[in-house]
């Protein structure tokens, strides 16, 4: 994801509609997006995000991407896996203005040992 995060506009943002209180509802600014993905990636020794489907919209500046994430945990047994749907909103110059990241919050809570926070 670091490669994708570098494509954001300086004032771009990621919205997490299913954050479920486990994560912030959004991250604003290219610097914060890069930092967030960089910090998250430190938890994994191997990261795979094979794309299942790319779905263009009628508006050429919007595209949805469906993929699965399989990430090997550095300090835990096994892998963290989740299914994702991103909707990207692009500027005319190709920079990402906004992205909406949909994921299964239950899988996230299980993968990161946060079930107690999800069930409050």
PDB file of N, CA and C in Angstrom:
ATOM      1  N   UNK A   1       0.814  -1.207   0.000  1.00  0.00           N
ATOM      2  CA  UNK A   1       0.000   0.000   0.000  1.00  0.00           C
ATOM      3  C   UNK A   1       0.849   1.259   0.000  1.00  0.00           C
ATOM      4  N   UNK A   2       2.120   1.174   0.346  1.00  0.00           N
ATOM      5  CA  UNK A   2       2.933   2.378   0.322  1.00  0.00           C
ATOM      6  C   UNK A   2       2.974   2.968  -1.074  1.00  0.00           C
ATOM      7  N   UNK A   3       3.035   2.135  -2.103  1.00  0.00           N
ATOM      8  CA  UNK A   3       3.033   2.641  -3.465  1.00  0.00           C
ATOM      9  C   UNK A   3       1.775   3.420  -3.777  1.00  0.00           C
ATOM     10  N   UNK A   4       0.628   2.916  -3.374  1.00  0.00           N
ATOM     11  CA  UNK A   4      -0.642   3.608  -3.603  1.00  0.00           C
ATOM     12  C   UNK A   4      -0.702   4.883  -2.782  1.00  0.00           C
ATOM     13  N   UNK A   5      -0.237   4.848  -1.549  1.00  0.00           N
ATOM     14  CA  UNK A   5      -0.334   6.034  -0.690  1.00  0.00           C
ATOM     15  C   UNK A   5       0.467   7.199  -1.254  1.00  0.00           C
ATOM     16  N   UNK A   6       1.502   6.924  -2.012  1.00  0.00           N
ATOM     17  CA  UNK A   6       2.294   7.980  -2.630  1.00  0.00           C
ATOM     18  C   UNK A   6       1.530   8.702  -3.734  1.00  0.00           C
ATOM     19  N   UNK A   7       0.431   8.138  -4.213  1.00  0.00           N
ATOM     20  CA  UNK A   7      -0.362   8.749  -5.282  1.00  0.00           C
ATOM     21  C   UNK A   7      -1.392   9.757  -4.775  1.00  0.00           C
ATOM     22  N   UNK A   8      -1.514   9.899  -3.459  1.00  0.00           N
ATOM     23  CA  UNK A   8      -2.508  10.818  -2.905  1.00  0.00           C
ATOM     24  C   UNK A   8      -2.099  12.268  -3.107  1.00  0.00           C
ATOM     25  N   UNK A   9      -3.105  13.128  -3.296  1.00  0.00           N
ATOM     26  CA  UNK A   9      -2.891  14.571  -3.308  1.00  0.00           C
ATOM     27  C   UNK A   9      -2.439  14.994  -1.915  1.00  0.00           C
ATOM     28  N   UNK A  10      -1.768  16.126  -1.811  1.00  0.00           N
ATOM     29  CA  UNK A  10      -1.278  16.600  -0.509  1.00  0.00           C
ATOM     30  C   UNK A  10      -2.395  16.686   0.519  1.00  0.00           C
ATOM     31  N   UNK A  11      -3.600  17.075   0.087  1.00  0.00           N
ATOM     32  CA  UNK A  11      -4.743  17.192   1.008  1.00  0.00           C
ATOM     33  C   UNK A  11      -5.720  16.028   0.856  1.00  0.00           C
ATOM     34  N   UNK A  12      -5.248  14.929   0.258  1.00  0.00           N
ATOM     35  CA  UNK A  12      -6.100  13.758   0.067  1.00  0.00           C
ATOM     36  C   UNK A  12      -6.501  13.134   1.392  1.00  0.00           C
ATOM     37  N   UNK A  13      -7.494  12.255   1.310  1.00  0.00           N
ATOM     38  CA  UNK A  13      -7.910  11.585   2.547  1.00  0.00           C
ATOM     39  C   UNK A  13      -8.419  10.186   2.270  1.00  0.00           C
ATOM     40  N   UNK A  14      -8.348   9.354   3.314  1.00  0.00           N
ATOM     41  CA  UNK A  14      -8.931   8.017   3.297  1.00  0.00           C
ATOM     42  C   UNK A  14     -10.031   8.002   4.343  1.00  0.00           C
ATOM     43  N   UNK A  15     -11.198   7.513   3.938  1.00  0.00           N
ATOM     44  CA  UNK A  15     -12.350   7.393   4.831  1.00  0.00           C
ATOM     45  C   UNK A  15     -12.551   5.908   5.124  1.00  0.00           C
ATOM     46  N   UNK A  16     -12.777   5.583   6.397  1.00  0.00           N
ATOM     47  CA  UNK A  16     -12.981   4.195   6.828  1.00  0.00           C
ATOM     48  C   UNK A  16     -14.406   4.050   7.359  1.00  0.00           C
ATOM     49  N   UNK A  17     -15.396   3.819   6.477  1.00  0.00           N
ATOM     50  CA  UNK A  17     -16.792   3.745   6.935  1.00  0.00           C
ATOM     51  C   UNK A  17     -17.043   2.663   7.981  1.00  0.00           C
ATOM     52  N   UNK A  18     -16.276   1.575   7.958  1.00  0.00           N
ATOM     53  CA  UNK A  18     -16.484   0.480   8.911  1.00  0.00           C
ATOM     54  C   UNK A  18     -15.415   0.467   9.999  1.00  0.00           C
ATOM     55  N   UNK A  19     -14.913   1.614  10.389  1.00  0.00           N
ATOM     56  CA  UNK A  19     -13.850   1.680  11.394  1.00  0.00           C
ATOM     57  C   UNK A  19     -14.293   1.095  12.729  1.00  0.00           C
ATOM     58  N   UNK A  20     -15.580   1.131  13.024  1.00  0.00           N
ATOM     59  CA  UNK A  20     -16.179   0.494  14.210  1.00  0.00           C
ATOM     60  C   UNK A  20     -15.518   0.893  15.522  1.00  0.00           C
ATOM     61  N   UNK A  21     -14.914   2.068  15.553  1.00  0.00           N
ATOM     62  CA  UNK A  21     -14.257   2.521  16.765  1.00  0.00           C
ATOM     63  C   UNK A  21     -12.889   1.906  16.996  1.00  0.00           C
ATOM     64  N   UNK A  22     -12.493   0.958  16.146  1.00  0.00           N
ATOM     65  CA  UNK A  22     -11.178   0.318  16.283  1.00  0.00           C
ATOM     66  C   UNK A  22     -10.067   1.196  15.720  1.00  0.00           C
ATOM     67  N   UNK A  23     -10.425   1.966  14.715  1.00  0.00           N
ATOM     68  CA  UNK A  23      -9.473   2.799  13.996  1.00  0.00           C
ATOM     69  C   UNK A  23     -10.099   4.178  13.823  1.00  0.00           C
ATOM     70  N   UNK A  24      -9.314   5.184  13.474  1.00  0.00           N
ATOM     71  CA  UNK A  24      -9.905   6.504  13.224  1.00  0.00           C
ATOM     72  C   UNK A  24     -10.863   6.433  12.032  1.00  0.00           C
ATOM     73  N   UNK A  25     -11.893   7.282  12.000  1.00  0.00           N
ATOM     74  CA  UNK A  25     -12.842   7.254  10.885  1.00  0.00           C
ATOM     75  C   UNK A  25     -12.252   7.743   9.567  1.00  0.00           C
ATOM     76  N   UNK A  26     -11.152   8.508   9.624  1.00  0.00           N
ATOM     77  CA  UNK A  26     -10.508   8.966   8.399  1.00  0.00           C
ATOM     78  C   UNK A  26      -9.074   9.390   8.701  1.00  0.00           C
ATOM     79  N   UNK A  27      -8.280   9.432   7.644  1.00  0.00           N
ATOM     80  CA  UNK A  27      -6.923   9.967   7.714  1.00  0.00           C
ATOM     81  C   UNK A  27      -6.818  11.029   6.638  1.00  0.00           C
ATOM     82  N   UNK A  28      -6.383  12.223   7.020  1.00  0.00           N
ATOM     83  CA  UNK A  28      -6.336  13.353   6.093  1.00  0.00           C
ATOM     84  C   UNK A  28      -4.894  13.805   5.896  1.00  0.00           C
ATOM     85  N   UNK A  29      -4.539  14.028   4.630  1.00  0.00           N
ATOM     86  CA  UNK A  29      -3.216  14.531   4.271  1.00  0.00           C
ATOM     87  C   UNK A  29      -2.275  13.430   3.830  1.00  0.00           C
ATOM     88  N   UNK A  30      -1.589  13.675   2.722  1.00  0.00           N
ATOM     89  CA  UNK A  30      -0.668  12.686   2.161  1.00  0.00           C
ATOM     90  C   UNK A  30       0.366  12.236   3.189  1.00  0.00           C
ATOM     91  N   UNK A  31       0.936  13.175   3.937  1.00  0.00           N
ATOM     92  CA  UNK A  31       1.946  12.837   4.943  1.00  0.00           C
ATOM     93  C   UNK A  31       1.379  11.871   5.978  1.00  0.00           C
ATOM     94  N   UNK A  32       0.167  12.124   6.457  1.00  0.00           N
ATOM     95  CA  UNK A  32      -0.456  11.255   7.462  1.00  0.00           C
ATOM     96  C   UNK A  32      -0.816   9.891   6.884  1.00  0.00           C
ATOM     97  N   UNK A  33      -1.228   9.867   5.622  1.00  0.00           N
ATOM     98  CA  UNK A  33      -1.561   8.598   4.962  1.00  0.00           C
ATOM     99  C   UNK A  33      -0.298   7.744   4.826  1.00  0.00           C
ATOM    100  N   UNK A  34       0.788   8.356   4.332  1.00  0.00           N
ATOM    101  CA  UNK A  34       2.061   7.632   4.210  1.00  0.00           C
ATOM    102  C   UNK A  34       2.525   7.111   5.569  1.00  0.00           C
ATOM    103  N   UNK A  35       2.447   7.960   6.579  1.00  0.00           N
ATOM    104  CA  UNK A  35       2.868   7.580   7.929  1.00  0.00           C
ATOM    105  C   UNK A  35       2.013   6.438   8.479  1.00  0.00           C
ATOM    106  N   UNK A  36       0.705   6.516   8.250  1.00  0.00           N
ATOM    107  CA  UNK A  36      -0.199   5.469   8.731  1.00  0.00           C
ATOM    108  C   UNK A  36       0.098   4.118   8.115  1.00  0.00           C
ATOM    109  N   UNK A  37       0.283   4.088   6.796  1.00  0.00           N
ATOM    110  CA  UNK A  37       0.595   2.822   6.139  1.00  0.00           C
ATOM    111  C   UNK A  37       1.992   2.333   6.514  1.00  0.00           C
ATOM    112  N   UNK A  38       2.933   3.254   6.662  1.00  0.00           N
ATOM    113  CA  UNK A  38       4.284   2.864   7.060  1.00  0.00           C
ATOM    114  C   UNK A  38       4.272   2.246   8.456  1.00  0.00           C
ATOM    115  N   UNK A  39       3.567   2.860   9.387  1.00  0.00           N
ATOM    116  CA  UNK A  39       3.477   2.319  10.749  1.00  0.00           C
ATOM    117  C   UNK A  39       2.775   0.966  10.765  1.00  0.00           C
ATOM    118  N   UNK A  40       1.690   0.841  10.010  1.00  0.00           N
ATOM    119  CA  UNK A  40       0.958  -0.433   9.965  1.00  0.00           C
ATOM    120  C   UNK A  40       1.821  -1.538   9.367  1.00  0.00           C
ATOM    121  N   UNK A  41       2.601  -1.202   8.343  1.00  0.00           N
ATOM    122  CA  UNK A  41       3.398  -2.231   7.666  1.00  0.00           C
ATOM    123  C   UNK A  41       4.491  -2.808   8.566  1.00  0.00           C
ATOM    124  N   UNK A  42       4.861  -2.115   9.629  1.00  0.00           N
ATOM    125  CA  UNK A  42       5.889  -2.612  10.548  1.00  0.00           C
ATOM    126  C   UNK A  42       5.434  -3.858  11.300  1.00  0.00           C
ATOM    127  N   UNK A  43       4.121  -4.127  11.308  1.00  0.00           N
ATOM    128  CA  UNK A  43       3.579  -5.296  12.000  1.00  0.00           C
ATOM    129  C   UNK A  43       3.656  -6.573  11.167  1.00  0.00           C
ATOM    130  N   UNK A  44       4.076  -6.452   9.910  1.00  0.00           N
ATOM    131  CA  UNK A  44       4.005  -7.584   8.990  1.00  0.00           C
ATOM    132  C   UNK A  44       5.355  -7.860   8.344  1.00  0.00           C
ATOM    133  N   UNK A  45       5.654  -9.150   8.163  1.00  0.00           N
ATOM    134  CA  UNK A  45       6.885  -9.529   7.474  1.00  0.00           C
ATOM    135  C   UNK A  45       6.627  -9.821   6.000  1.00  0.00           C
ATOM    136  N   UNK A  46       5.381 -10.007   5.656  1.00  0.00           N
ATOM    137  CA  UNK A  46       5.006 -10.298   4.266  1.00  0.00           C
ATOM    138  C   UNK A  46       3.626  -9.710   4.028  1.00  0.00           C
ATOM    139  N   UNK A  47       3.460  -9.036   2.889  1.00  0.00           N
ATOM    140  CA  UNK A  47       2.193  -8.375   2.584  1.00  0.00           C
ATOM    141  C   UNK A  47       1.795  -8.714   1.153  1.00  0.00           C
ATOM    142  N   UNK A  48       0.571  -9.208   0.980  1.00  0.00           N
ATOM    143  CA  UNK A  48       0.052  -9.509  -0.360  1.00  0.00           C
ATOM    144  C   UNK A  48      -1.351  -8.927  -0.483  1.00  0.00           C
ATOM    145  N   UNK A  49      -1.589  -8.209  -1.574  1.00  0.00           N
ATOM    146  CA  UNK A  49      -2.904  -7.649  -1.866  1.00  0.00           C
ATOM    147  C   UNK A  49      -3.274  -7.954  -3.322  1.00  0.00           C
ATOM    148  N   UNK A  50      -3.530  -9.220  -3.654  1.00  0.00           N
ATOM    149  CA  UNK A  50      -3.902  -9.515  -5.038  1.00  0.00           C
ATOM    150  C   UNK A  50      -5.264  -8.911  -5.387  1.00  0.00           C
ATOM    151  N   UNK A  51      -5.313  -8.258  -6.532  1.00  0.00           N
ATOM    152  CA  UNK A  51      -6.545  -7.603  -6.985  1.00  0.00           C
ATOM    153  C   UNK A  51      -7.475  -8.641  -7.593  1.00  0.00           C
ATOM    154  N   UNK A  52      -8.728  -8.637  -7.132  1.00  0.00           N
ATOM    155  CA  UNK A  52      -9.754  -9.525  -7.675  1.00  0.00           C
ATOM    156  C   UNK A  52     -10.489  -8.882  -8.841  1.00  0.00           C
ATOM    157  N   UNK A  53     -10.749  -7.583  -8.706  1.00  0.00           N
ATOM    158  CA  UNK A  53     -11.569  -6.923  -9.717  1.00  0.00           C
ATOM    159  C   UNK A  53     -11.345  -5.417  -9.667  1.00  0.00           C
ATOM    160  N   UNK A  54     -11.302  -4.799 -10.848  1.00  0.00           N
ATOM    161  CA  UNK A  54     -11.272  -3.343 -10.979  1.00  0.00           C
ATOM    162  C   UNK A  54     -12.567  -2.946 -11.661  1.00  0.00           C
ATOM    163  N   UNK A  55     -13.312  -2.051 -11.021  1.00  0.00           N
ATOM    164  CA  UNK A  55     -14.641  -1.678 -11.510  1.00  0.00           C
ATOM    165  C   UNK A  55     -14.693  -0.183 -11.818  1.00  0.00           C
ATOM    166  N   UNK A  56     -14.613   0.175 -13.100  1.00  0.00           N
ATOM    167  CA  UNK A  56     -14.702   1.596 -13.449  1.00  0.00           C
ATOM    168  C   UNK A  56     -16.130   2.111 -13.291  1.00  0.00           C
ATOM    169  N   UNK A  57     -16.247   3.384 -13.039  1.00  0.00           N
ATOM    170  CA  UNK A  57     -17.546   4.046 -12.956  1.00  0.00           C
ATOM    171  C   UNK A  57     -17.784   4.807 -14.253  1.00  0.00           C
ATOM    172  N   UNK A  58     -18.992   5.295 -14.429  1.00  0.00           N
ATOM    173  CA  UNK A  58     -19.277   6.132 -15.590  1.00  0.00           C
ATOM    174  C   UNK A  58     -18.401   7.381 -15.560  1.00  0.00           C
ATOM    175  N   UNK A  59     -18.190   7.931 -14.371  1.00  0.00           N
ATOM    176  CA  UNK A  59     -17.275   9.057 -14.192  1.00  0.00           C
ATOM    177  C   UNK A  59     -15.850   8.508 -14.265  1.00  0.00           C
ATOM    178  N   UNK A  60     -15.035   8.953 -15.220  1.00  0.00           N
ATOM    179  CA  UNK A  60     -13.690   8.380 -15.369  1.00  0.00           C
ATOM    180  C   UNK A  60     -12.747   8.678 -14.204  1.00  0.00           C
ATOM    181  N   UNK A  61     -13.144   9.549 -13.297  1.00  0.00           N
ATOM    182  CA  UNK A  61     -12.300   9.889 -12.152  1.00  0.00           C
ATOM    183  C   UNK A  61     -12.641   9.082 -10.904  1.00  0.00           C
ATOM    184  N   UNK A  62     -13.484   8.063 -11.059  1.00  0.00           N
ATOM    185  CA  UNK A  62     -13.855   7.197  -9.933  1.00  0.00           C
ATOM    186  C   UNK A  62     -13.658   5.743 -10.360  1.00  0.00           C
ATOM    187  N   UNK A  63     -13.054   4.963  -9.486  1.00  0.00           N
ATOM    188  CA  UNK A  63     -12.878   3.537  -9.757  1.00  0.00           C
ATOM    189  C   UNK A  63     -12.945   2.776  -8.431  1.00  0.00           C
ATOM    190  N   UNK A  64     -13.511   1.584  -8.480  1.00  0.00           N
ATOM    191  CA  UNK A  64     -13.549   0.708  -7.307  1.00  0.00           C
ATOM    192  C   UNK A  64     -12.596  -0.458  -7.559  1.00  0.00           C
ATOM    193  N   UNK A  65     -11.922  -0.884  -6.501  1.00  0.00           N
ATOM    194  CA  UNK A  65     -10.983  -1.999  -6.598  1.00  0.00           C
ATOM    195  C   UNK A  65     -11.283  -2.969  -5.464  1.00  0.00           C
ATOM    196  N   UNK A  66     -11.528  -4.225  -5.833  1.00  0.00           N
ATOM    197  CA  UNK A  66     -11.816  -5.282  -4.856  1.00  0.00           C
ATOM    198  C   UNK A  66     -10.587  -6.185  -4.765  1.00  0.00           C
ATOM    199  N   UNK A  67     -10.145  -6.450  -3.535  1.00  0.00           N
ATOM    200  CA  UNK A  67      -8.984  -7.318  -3.363  1.00  0.00           C
ATOM    201  C   UNK A  67      -9.000  -7.961  -1.987  1.00  0.00           C
ATOM    202  N   UNK A  68      -8.117  -8.947  -1.829  1.00  0.00           N
ATOM    203  CA  UNK A  68      -7.949  -9.643  -0.556  1.00  0.00           C
ATOM    204  C   UNK A  68      -6.567  -9.313  -0.023  1.00  0.00           C
ATOM    205  N   UNK A  69      -6.488  -9.085   1.272  1.00  0.00           N
ATOM    206  CA  UNK A  69      -5.189  -8.860   1.893  1.00  0.00           C
ATOM    207  C   UNK A  69      -4.781 -10.070   2.708  1.00  0.00           C
ATOM    208  N   UNK A  70      -3.554 -10.504   2.521  1.00  0.00           N
ATOM    209  CA  UNK A  70      -2.997 -11.589   3.332  1.00  0.00           C
ATOM    210  C   UNK A  70      -1.647 -11.099   3.835  1.00  0.00           C
ATOM    211  N   UNK A  71      -1.565 -10.892   5.156  1.00  0.00           N
ATOM    212  CA  UNK A  71      -0.396 -10.272   5.752  1.00  0.00           C
ATOM    213  C   UNK A  71       0.154 -11.162   6.862  1.00  0.00           C
ATOM    214  N   UNK A  72       1.419 -11.542   6.751  1.00  0.00           N
ATOM    215  CA  UNK A  72       2.051 -12.393   7.766  1.00  0.00           C
ATOM    216  C   UNK A  72       2.445 -11.525   8.954  1.00  0.00           C
ATOM    217  N   UNK A  73       1.941 -11.897  10.121  1.00  0.00           N
ATOM    218  CA  UNK A  73       2.210 -11.149  11.346  1.00  0.00           C
ATOM    219  C   UNK A  73       3.638 -11.388  11.819  1.00  0.00           C
ATOM    220  N   UNK A  74       4.364 -10.317  12.152  1.00  0.00           N
ATOM    221  CA  UNK A  74       5.733 -10.447  12.670  1.00  0.00           C
ATOM    222  C   UNK A  74       5.738 -11.003  14.084  1.00  0.00           C
ATOM    223  N   UNK A  75       4.859 -10.504  14.924  1.00  0.00           N
ATOM    224  CA  UNK A  75       4.877 -10.863  16.349  1.00  0.00           C
ATOM    225  C   UNK A  75       3.665 -11.685  16.759  1.00  0.00           C
ATOM    226  N   UNK A  76       3.217 -12.525  15.871  1.00  0.00           N
ATOM    227  CA  UNK A  76       2.067 -13.348  16.198  1.00  0.00           C
ATOM    228  C   UNK A  76       2.024 -14.559  15.299  1.00  0.00           C
ATOM    229  N   UNK A  77       1.151 -15.478  15.633  1.00  0.00           N
ATOM    230  CA  UNK A  77       1.060 -16.686  14.817  1.00  0.00           C
ATOM    231  C   UNK A  77       0.266 -16.421  13.538  1.00  0.00           C
ATOM    232  N   UNK A  78       0.773 -16.879  12.451  1.00  0.00           N
ATOM    233  CA  UNK A  78       0.002 -16.898  11.227  1.00  0.00           C
ATOM    234  C   UNK A  78      -0.161 -15.576  10.508  1.00  0.00           C
ATOM    235  N   UNK A  79      -1.348 -15.453   9.903  1.00  0.00           N
ATOM    236  CA  UNK A  79      -1.634 -14.357   8.994  1.00  0.00           C
ATOM    237  C   UNK A  79      -2.858 -13.572   9.442  1.00  0.00           C
ATOM    238  N   UNK A  80      -2.884 -12.319   9.039  1.00  0.00           N
ATOM    239  CA  UNK A  80      -4.096 -11.503   9.123  1.00  0.00           C
ATOM    240  C   UNK A  80      -4.641 -11.435   7.708  1.00  0.00           C
ATOM    241  N   UNK A  81      -5.918 -11.797   7.549  1.00  0.00           N
ATOM    242  CA  UNK A  81      -6.551 -11.749   6.233  1.00  0.00           C
ATOM    243  C   UNK A  81      -7.841 -10.963   6.312  1.00  0.00           C
ATOM    244  N   UNK A  82      -8.133 -10.235   5.236  1.00  0.00           N
ATOM    245  CA  UNK A  82      -9.381  -9.494   5.154  1.00  0.00           C
ATOM    246  C   UNK A  82      -9.693  -9.236   3.690  1.00  0.00           C
ATOM    247  N   UNK A  83     -10.955  -9.009   3.407  1.00  0.00           N
ATOM    248  CA  UNK A  83     -11.399  -8.617   2.075  1.00  0.00           C
ATOM    249  C   UNK A  83     -11.609  -7.117   2.077  1.00  0.00           C
ATOM    250  N   UNK A  84     -11.259  -6.475   0.973  1.00  0.00           N
ATOM    251  CA  UNK A  84     -11.328  -5.023   0.877  1.00  0.00           C
ATOM    252  C   UNK A  84     -12.053  -4.586  -0.386  1.00  0.00           C
ATOM    253  N   UNK A  85     -12.692  -3.440  -0.272  1.00  0.00           N
ATOM    254  CA  UNK A  85     -13.213  -2.726  -1.429  1.00  0.00           C
ATOM    255  C   UNK A  85     -12.814  -1.275  -1.234  1.00  0.00           C
ATOM    256  N   UNK A  86     -12.035  -0.764  -2.152  1.00  0.00           N
ATOM    257  CA  UNK A  86     -11.647   0.645  -2.144  1.00  0.00           C
ATOM    258  C   UNK A  86     -12.407   1.350  -3.255  1.00  0.00           C
ATOM    259  N   UNK A  87     -12.898   2.537  -2.980  1.00  0.00           N
ATOM    260  CA  UNK A  87     -13.424   3.417  -4.017  1.00  0.00           C
ATOM    261  C   UNK A  87     -12.501   4.625  -4.050  1.00  0.00           C
ATOM    262  N   UNK A  88     -11.859   4.828  -5.194  1.00  0.00           N
ATOM    263  CA  UNK A  88     -10.906   5.923  -5.371  1.00  0.00           C
ATOM    264  C   UNK A  88     -11.547   7.049  -6.171  1.00  0.00           C
ATOM    265  N   UNK A  89     -11.319   8.269  -5.709  1.00  0.00           N
ATOM    266  CA  UNK A  89     -11.769   9.484  -6.392  1.00  0.00           C
ATOM    267  C   UNK A  89     -10.511  10.244  -6.810  1.00  0.00           C
ATOM    268  N   UNK A  90     -10.327  10.417  -8.124  1.00  0.00           N
ATOM    269  CA  UNK A  90      -9.107  11.010  -8.659  1.00  0.00           C
ATOM    270  C   UNK A  90      -9.313  12.445  -9.119  1.00  0.00           C
ATOM    271  N   UNK A  91      -8.246  13.237  -9.032  1.00  0.00           N
ATOM    272  CA  UNK A  91      -8.206  14.570  -9.624  1.00  0.00           C
ATOM    273  C   UNK A  91      -7.889  14.404 -11.113  1.00  0.00           C
ATOM    274  N   UNK A  92      -8.058  15.459 -11.865  1.00  0.00           N
ATOM    275  CA  UNK A  92      -7.752  15.409 -13.299  1.00  0.00           C
ATOM    276  C   UNK A  92      -6.281  15.061 -13.553  1.00  0.00           C
ATOM    277  N   UNK A  93      -5.390  15.410 -12.622  1.00  0.00           N
ATOM    278  CA  UNK A  93      -3.960  15.127 -12.801  1.00  0.00           C
ATOM    279  C   UNK A  93      -3.576  13.706 -12.377  1.00  0.00           C
ATOM    280  N   UNK A  94      -4.559  12.898 -11.956  1.00  0.00           N
ATOM    281  CA  UNK A  94      -4.309  11.508 -11.589  1.00  0.00           C
ATOM    282  C   UNK A  94      -4.044  11.266 -10.120  1.00  0.00           C
ATOM    283  N   UNK A  95      -3.914  12.325  -9.327  1.00  0.00           N
ATOM    284  CA  UNK A  95      -3.718  12.138  -7.890  1.00  0.00           C
ATOM    285  C   UNK A  95      -5.019  11.674  -7.242  1.00  0.00           C
ATOM    286  N   UNK A  96      -4.891  10.911  -6.172  1.00  0.00           N
ATOM    287  CA  UNK A  96      -6.063  10.453  -5.427  1.00  0.00           C
ATOM    288  C   UNK A  96      -6.494  11.563  -4.476  1.00  0.00           C
ATOM    289  N   UNK A  97      -7.728  12.027  -4.654  1.00  0.00           N
ATOM    290  CA  UNK A  97      -8.288  13.044  -3.764  1.00  0.00           C
ATOM    291  C   UNK A  97      -8.865  12.411  -2.506  1.00  0.00           C
ATOM    292  N   UNK A  98      -9.532  11.263  -2.713  1.00  0.00           N
ATOM    293  CA  UNK A  98     -10.218  10.609  -1.600  1.00  0.00           C
ATOM    294  C   UNK A  98     -10.340   9.125  -1.915  1.00  0.00           C
ATOM    295  N   UNK A  99     -10.240   8.319  -0.883  1.00  0.00           N
ATOM    296  CA  UNK A  99     -10.444   6.875  -1.018  1.00  0.00           C
ATOM    297  C   UNK A  99     -11.314   6.418   0.133  1.00  0.00           C
ATOM    298  N   UNK A 100     -12.260   5.560  -0.169  1.00  0.00           N
ATOM    299  CA  UNK A 100     -13.106   4.953   0.862  1.00  0.00           C
ATOM    300  C   UNK A 100     -12.684   3.496   0.964  1.00  0.00           C
ATOM    301  N   UNK A 101     -12.253   3.090   2.151  1.00  0.00           N
ATOM    302  CA  UNK A 101     -11.753   1.731   2.380  1.00  0.00           C
ATOM    303  C   UNK A 101     -12.780   0.938   3.178  1.00  0.00           C
ATOM    304  N   UNK A 102     -13.383  -0.052   2.520  1.00  0.00           N
ATOM    305  CA  UNK A 102     -14.357  -0.932   3.171  1.00  0.00           C
ATOM    306  C   UNK A 102     -13.677  -2.258   3.479  1.00  0.00           C
ATOM    307  N   UNK A 103     -13.851  -2.740   4.698  1.00  0.00           N
ATOM    308  CA  UNK A 103     -13.260  -4.000   5.131  1.00  0.00           C
ATOM    309  C   UNK A 103     -14.160  -4.596   6.204  1.00  0.00           C
ATOM    310  N   UNK A 104     -13.927  -5.858   6.526  1.00  0.00           N
ATOM    311  CA  UNK A 104     -14.710  -6.531   7.555  1.00  0.00           C
ATOM    312  C   UNK A 104     -14.101  -6.203   8.922  1.00  0.00           C
ATOM    313  N   UNK A 105     -14.790  -5.407   9.753  1.00  0.00           N
ATOM    314  CA  UNK A 105     -14.210  -5.023  11.043  1.00  0.00           C
ATOM    315  C   UNK A 105     -14.055  -6.197  12.012  1.00  0.00           C
ATOM    316  N   UNK A 106     -14.849  -7.241  11.843  1.00  0.00           N
ATOM    317  CA  UNK A 106     -14.708  -8.415  12.716  1.00  0.00           C
ATOM    318  C   UNK A 106     -13.387  -9.122  12.420  1.00  0.00           C
ATOM    319  N   UNK A 107     -13.066  -9.288  11.141  1.00  0.00           N
ATOM    320  CA  UNK A 107     -11.775  -9.892  10.785  1.00  0.00           C
ATOM    321  C   UNK A 107     -10.613  -9.044  11.295  1.00  0.00           C
ATOM    322  N   UNK A 108     -10.757  -7.717  11.216  1.00  0.00           N
ATOM    323  CA  UNK A 108      -9.706  -6.823  11.731  1.00  0.00           C
ATOM    324  C   UNK A 108      -9.544  -6.982  13.232  1.00  0.00           C
ATOM    325  N   UNK A 109     -10.657  -6.996  13.949  1.00  0.00           N
ATOM    326  CA  UNK A 109     -10.605  -7.130  15.411  1.00  0.00           C
ATOM    327  C   UNK A 109      -9.969  -8.461  15.815  1.00  0.00           C
ATOM    328  N   UNK A 110     -10.345  -9.538  15.121  1.00  0.00           N
ATOM    329  CA  UNK A 110      -9.745 -10.848  15.418  1.00  0.00           C
ATOM    330  C   UNK A 110      -8.250 -10.841  15.120  1.00  0.00           C
ATOM    331  N   UNK A 111      -7.888 -10.310  13.963  1.00  0.00           N
ATOM    332  CA  UNK A 111      -6.496 -10.322  13.528  1.00  0.00           C
ATOM    333  C   UNK A 111      -5.563  -9.529  14.421  1.00  0.00           C
ATOM    334  N   UNK A 112      -6.080  -8.466  15.021  1.00  0.00           N
ATOM    335  CA  UNK A 112      -5.241  -7.599  15.848  1.00  0.00           C
ATOM    336  C   UNK A 112      -5.538  -7.728  17.335  1.00  0.00           C
ATOM    337  N   UNK A 113      -6.308  -8.764  17.712  1.00  0.00           N
ATOM    338  CA  UNK A 113      -6.595  -8.994  19.127  1.00  0.00           C
ATOM    339  C   UNK A 113      -7.415  -7.887  19.767  1.00  0.00           C
ATOM    340  N   UNK A 114      -8.373  -7.347  19.020  1.00  0.00           N
ATOM    341  CA  UNK A 114      -9.174  -6.219  19.508  1.00  0.00           C
ATOM    342  C   UNK A 114     -10.654  -6.550  19.662  1.00  0.00           C
ATOM    343  N   UNK A 115     -10.992  -7.827  19.756  1.00  0.00           N
ATOM    344  CA  UNK A 115     -12.410  -8.205  19.857  1.00  0.00           C
ATOM    345  C   UNK A 115     -13.087  -7.550  21.059  1.00  0.00           C
ATOM    346  N   UNK A 116     -12.363  -7.393  22.164  1.00  0.00           N
ATOM    347  CA  UNK A 116     -12.966  -6.778  23.346  1.00  0.00           C
ATOM    348  C   UNK A 116     -13.357  -5.325  23.075  1.00  0.00           C
ATOM    349  N   UNK A 117     -12.627  -4.630  22.223  1.00  0.00           N
ATOM    350  CA  UNK A 117     -12.957  -3.243  21.890  1.00  0.00           C
ATOM    351  C   UNK A 117     -14.130  -3.169  20.928  1.00  0.00           C
ATOM    352  N   UNK A 118     -14.261  -4.164  20.067  1.00  0.00           N
ATOM    353  CA  UNK A 118     -15.352  -4.190  19.103  1.00  0.00           C
ATOM    354  C   UNK A 118     -16.676  -4.480  19.788  1.00  0.00           C
ATOM    355  N   UNK A 119     -16.656  -5.269  20.824  1.00  0.00           N
ATOM    356  CA  UNK A 119     -17.882  -5.736  21.474  1.00  0.00           C
ATOM    357  C   UNK A 119     -18.328  -4.854  22.635  1.00  0.00           C
ATOM    358  N   UNK A 120     -17.738  -3.687  22.810  1.00  0.00           N
ATOM    359  CA  UNK A 120     -18.133  -2.796  23.911  1.00  0.00           C
ATOM    360  C   UNK A 120     -19.459  -2.150  23.628  1.00  0.00           C
TER     361      UNK A 120
END
